[in-house]
Amino acid sequence: MELVTALYKAAITGLPVRRGEIDAADPFYGSLNGGRPEVFR
């Protein structure tokens, strides 16, 4: 699941994501849109 989340985060933010970077403090940890509802509209 971390790989899928990292792909979404990289696609949305335009920034590279390193393994282990997404932790409980990251907005993408709990939601694939990173808390940005406008992303999937």
PDB file of N, CA and C in Angstrom:
ATOM      1  N   MET A   1       0.815  -1.183   0.000  1.00  0.00           N
ATOM      2  CA  MET A   1       0.000   0.000   0.000  1.00  0.00           C
ATOM      3  C   MET A   1       0.866   1.257   0.000  1.00  0.00           C
ATOM      4  N   GLU A   2       2.039   1.159   0.598  1.00  0.00           N
ATOM      5  CA  GLU A   2       2.921   2.325   0.631  1.00  0.00           C
ATOM      6  C   GLU A   2       3.329   2.757  -0.783  1.00  0.00           C
ATOM      7  N   LEU A   3       3.557   1.801  -1.665  1.00  0.00           N
ATOM      8  CA  LEU A   3       3.932   2.127  -3.041  1.00  0.00           C
ATOM      9  C   LEU A   3       2.813   2.893  -3.744  1.00  0.00           C
ATOM     10  N   VAL A   4       1.597   2.416  -3.610  1.00  0.00           N
ATOM     11  CA  VAL A   4       0.451   3.081  -4.243  1.00  0.00           C
ATOM     12  C   VAL A   4       0.283   4.493  -3.697  1.00  0.00           C
ATOM     13  N   THR A   5       0.384   4.636  -2.384  1.00  0.00           N
ATOM     14  CA  THR A   5       0.255   5.950  -1.763  1.00  0.00           C
ATOM     15  C   THR A   5       1.362   6.876  -2.239  1.00  0.00           C
ATOM     16  N   ALA A   6       2.571   6.376  -2.341  1.00  0.00           N
ATOM     17  CA  ALA A   6       3.696   7.181  -2.815  1.00  0.00           C
ATOM     18  C   ALA A   6       3.480   7.624  -4.259  1.00  0.00           C
ATOM     19  N   LEU A   7       2.920   6.757  -5.083  1.00  0.00           N
ATOM     20  CA  LEU A   7       2.630   7.130  -6.474  1.00  0.00           C
ATOM     21  C   LEU A   7       1.604   8.259  -6.541  1.00  0.00           C
ATOM     22  N   TYR A   8       0.554   8.153  -5.748  1.00  0.00           N
ATOM     23  CA  TYR A   8      -0.454   9.209  -5.704  1.00  0.00           C
ATOM     24  C   TYR A   8       0.153  10.520  -5.212  1.00  0.00           C
ATOM     25  N   LYS A   9       0.937  10.443  -4.145  1.00  0.00           N
ATOM     26  CA  LYS A   9       1.537  11.657  -3.586  1.00  0.00           C
ATOM     27  C   LYS A   9       2.469  12.315  -4.603  1.00  0.00           C
ATOM     28  N   ALA A  10       3.281  11.534  -5.273  1.00  0.00           N
ATOM     29  CA  ALA A  10       4.200  12.072  -6.272  1.00  0.00           C
ATOM     30  C   ALA A  10       3.436  12.699  -7.440  1.00  0.00           C
ATOM     31  N   ALA A  11       2.374  12.046  -7.873  1.00  0.00           N
ATOM     32  CA  ALA A  11       1.586  12.574  -8.991  1.00  0.00           C
ATOM     33  C   ALA A  11       0.888  13.879  -8.623  1.00  0.00           C
ATOM     34  N   ILE A  12       0.381  13.960  -7.414  1.00  0.00           N
ATOM     35  CA  ILE A  12      -0.362  15.148  -6.987  1.00  0.00           C
ATOM     36  C   ILE A  12       0.568  16.306  -6.666  1.00  0.00           C
ATOM     37  N   THR A  13       1.670  16.029  -5.991  1.00  0.00           N
ATOM     38  CA  THR A  13       2.566  17.110  -5.563  1.00  0.00           C
ATOM     39  C   THR A  13       3.628  17.453  -6.609  1.00  0.00           C
ATOM     40  N   GLY A  14       3.913  16.518  -7.507  1.00  0.00           N
ATOM     41  CA  GLY A  14       4.961  16.736  -8.498  1.00  0.00           C
ATOM     42  C   GLY A  14       6.365  16.588  -7.932  1.00  0.00           C
ATOM     43  N   LEU A  15       6.464  16.020  -6.737  1.00  0.00           N
ATOM     44  CA  LEU A  15       7.752  15.846  -6.072  1.00  0.00           C
ATOM     45  C   LEU A  15       8.062  14.365  -5.883  1.00  0.00           C
ATOM     46  N   PRO A  16       9.343  13.995  -5.862  1.00  0.00           N
ATOM     47  CA  PRO A  16       9.686  12.594  -5.592  1.00  0.00           C
ATOM     48  C   PRO A  16       9.342  12.214  -4.159  1.00  0.00           C
ATOM     49  N   VAL A  17       9.032  10.941  -3.967  1.00  0.00           N
ATOM     50  CA  VAL A  17       8.698  10.422  -2.635  1.00  0.00           C
ATOM     51  C   VAL A  17       9.636   9.253  -2.351  1.00  0.00           C
ATOM     52  N   ARG A  18      10.297   9.303  -1.226  1.00  0.00           N
ATOM     53  CA  ARG A  18      11.231   8.236  -0.842  1.00  0.00           C
ATOM     54  C   ARG A  18      10.535   7.201   0.043  1.00  0.00           C
ATOM     55  N   ARG A  19      11.043   5.984  -0.014  1.00  0.00           N
ATOM     56  CA  ARG A  19      10.505   4.901   0.808  1.00  0.00           C
ATOM     57  C   ARG A  19      10.585   5.285   2.278  1.00  0.00           C
ATOM     58  N   GLY A  20       9.505   5.086   3.006  1.00  0.00           N
ATOM     59  CA  GLY A  20       9.458   5.383   4.423  1.00  0.00           C
ATOM     60  C   GLY A  20       9.104   6.824   4.752  1.00  0.00           C
ATOM     61  N   GLU A  21       8.955   7.659   3.723  1.00  0.00           N
ATOM     62  CA  GLU A  21       8.660   9.077   3.938  1.00  0.00           C
ATOM     63  C   GLU A  21       7.240   9.314   4.436  1.00  0.00           C
ATOM     64  N   ILE A  22       6.316   8.473   4.034  1.00  0.00           N
ATOM     65  CA  ILE A  22       4.917   8.660   4.410  1.00  0.00           C
ATOM     66  C   ILE A  22       4.670   7.988   5.753  1.00  0.00           C
ATOM     67  N   ASP A  23       4.501   8.826   6.789  1.00  0.00           N
ATOM     68  CA  ASP A  23       4.225   8.308   8.123  1.00  0.00           C
ATOM     69  C   ASP A  23       2.897   8.879   8.622  1.00  0.00           C
ATOM     70  N   ALA A  24       2.552   8.614   9.858  1.00  0.00           N
ATOM     71  CA  ALA A  24       1.254   9.028  10.397  1.00  0.00           C
ATOM     72  C   ALA A  24       1.054  10.545  10.378  1.00  0.00           C
ATOM     73  N   ALA A  25       2.115  11.318  10.326  1.00  0.00           N
ATOM     74  CA  ALA A  25       2.002  12.781  10.291  1.00  0.00           C
ATOM     75  C   ALA A  25       1.763  13.317   8.877  1.00  0.00           C
ATOM     76  N   ASP A  26       1.942  12.483   7.874  1.00  0.00           N
ATOM     77  CA  ASP A  26       1.778  12.896   6.484  1.00  0.00           C
ATOM     78  C   ASP A  26       0.294  12.886   6.110  1.00  0.00           C
ATOM     79  N   PRO A  27      -0.194  13.922   5.416  1.00  0.00           N
ATOM     80  CA  PRO A  27      -1.612  13.948   5.030  1.00  0.00           C
ATOM     81  C   PRO A  27      -2.008  12.797   4.094  1.00  0.00           C
ATOM     82  N   PHE A  28      -1.048  12.225   3.379  1.00  0.00           N
ATOM     83  CA  PHE A  28      -1.350  11.115   2.472  1.00  0.00           C
ATOM     84  C   PHE A  28      -1.438   9.773   3.201  1.00  0.00           C
ATOM     85  N   TYR A  29      -1.072   9.745   4.461  1.00  0.00           N
ATOM     86  CA  TYR A  29      -1.142   8.512   5.254  1.00  0.00           C
ATOM     87  C   TYR A  29      -2.583   8.043   5.411  1.00  0.00           C
ATOM     88  N   GLY A  30      -3.498   8.972   5.611  1.00  0.00           N
ATOM     89  CA  GLY A  30      -4.895   8.618   5.838  1.00  0.00           C
ATOM     90  C   GLY A  30      -5.797   8.788   4.640  1.00  0.00           C
ATOM     91  N   SER A  31      -5.268   9.385   3.564  1.00  0.00           N
ATOM     92  CA  SER A  31      -6.112   9.658   2.403  1.00  0.00           C
ATOM     93  C   SER A  31      -5.247   9.737   1.148  1.00  0.00           C
ATOM     94  N   LEU A  32      -5.668   9.060   0.093  1.00  0.00           N
ATOM     95  CA  LEU A  32      -4.870   9.062  -1.133  1.00  0.00           C
ATOM     96  C   LEU A  32      -4.840  10.419  -1.821  1.00  0.00           C
ATOM     97  N   ASN A  33      -5.738  11.311  -1.443  1.00  0.00           N
ATOM     98  CA  ASN A  33      -5.702  12.650  -2.052  1.00  0.00           C
ATOM     99  C   ASN A  33      -4.995  13.649  -1.145  1.00  0.00           C
ATOM    100  N   GLY A  34      -4.435  13.193  -0.041  1.00  0.00           N
ATOM    101  CA  GLY A  34      -3.685  14.059   0.852  1.00  0.00           C
ATOM    102  C   GLY A  34      -4.516  15.153   1.499  1.00  0.00           C
ATOM    103  N   GLY A  35      -5.813  14.893   1.651  1.00  0.00           N
ATOM    104  CA  GLY A  35      -6.690  15.877   2.264  1.00  0.00           C
ATOM    105  C   GLY A  35      -7.086  17.001   1.327  1.00  0.00           C
ATOM    106  N   ARG A  36      -6.920  16.787   0.032  1.00  0.00           N
ATOM    107  CA  ARG A  36      -7.260  17.786  -0.989  1.00  0.00           C
ATOM    108  C   ARG A  36      -8.461  17.281  -1.791  1.00  0.00           C
ATOM    109  N   PRO A  37      -9.667  17.584  -1.376  1.00  0.00           N
ATOM    110  CA  PRO A  37     -10.853  17.041  -2.057  1.00  0.00           C
ATOM    111  C   PRO A  37     -10.956  17.445  -3.536  1.00  0.00           C
ATOM    112  N   GLU A  38     -10.357  18.554  -3.908  1.00  0.00           N
ATOM    113  CA  GLU A  38     -10.446  19.019  -5.293  1.00  0.00           C
ATOM    114  C   GLU A  38      -9.645  18.151  -6.267  1.00  0.00           C
ATOM    115  N   VAL A  39      -8.767  17.301  -5.759  1.00  0.00           N
ATOM    116  CA  VAL A  39      -7.899  16.501  -6.619  1.00  0.00           C
ATOM    117  C   VAL A  39      -8.690  15.502  -7.460  1.00  0.00           C
ATOM    118  N   PHE A  40      -9.705  14.882  -6.907  1.00  0.00           N
ATOM    119  CA  PHE A  40     -10.435  13.831  -7.618  1.00  0.00           C
ATOM    120  C   PHE A  40     -11.760  14.299  -8.203  1.00  0.00           C
ATOM    121  N   ARG A  41     -11.878  15.567  -8.468  1.00  0.00           N
ATOM    122  CA  ARG A  41     -13.127  16.070  -9.076  1.00  0.00           C
ATOM    123  C   ARG A  41     -13.005  16.183 -10.547  1.00  0.00           C
TER     124      ARG A  41
END
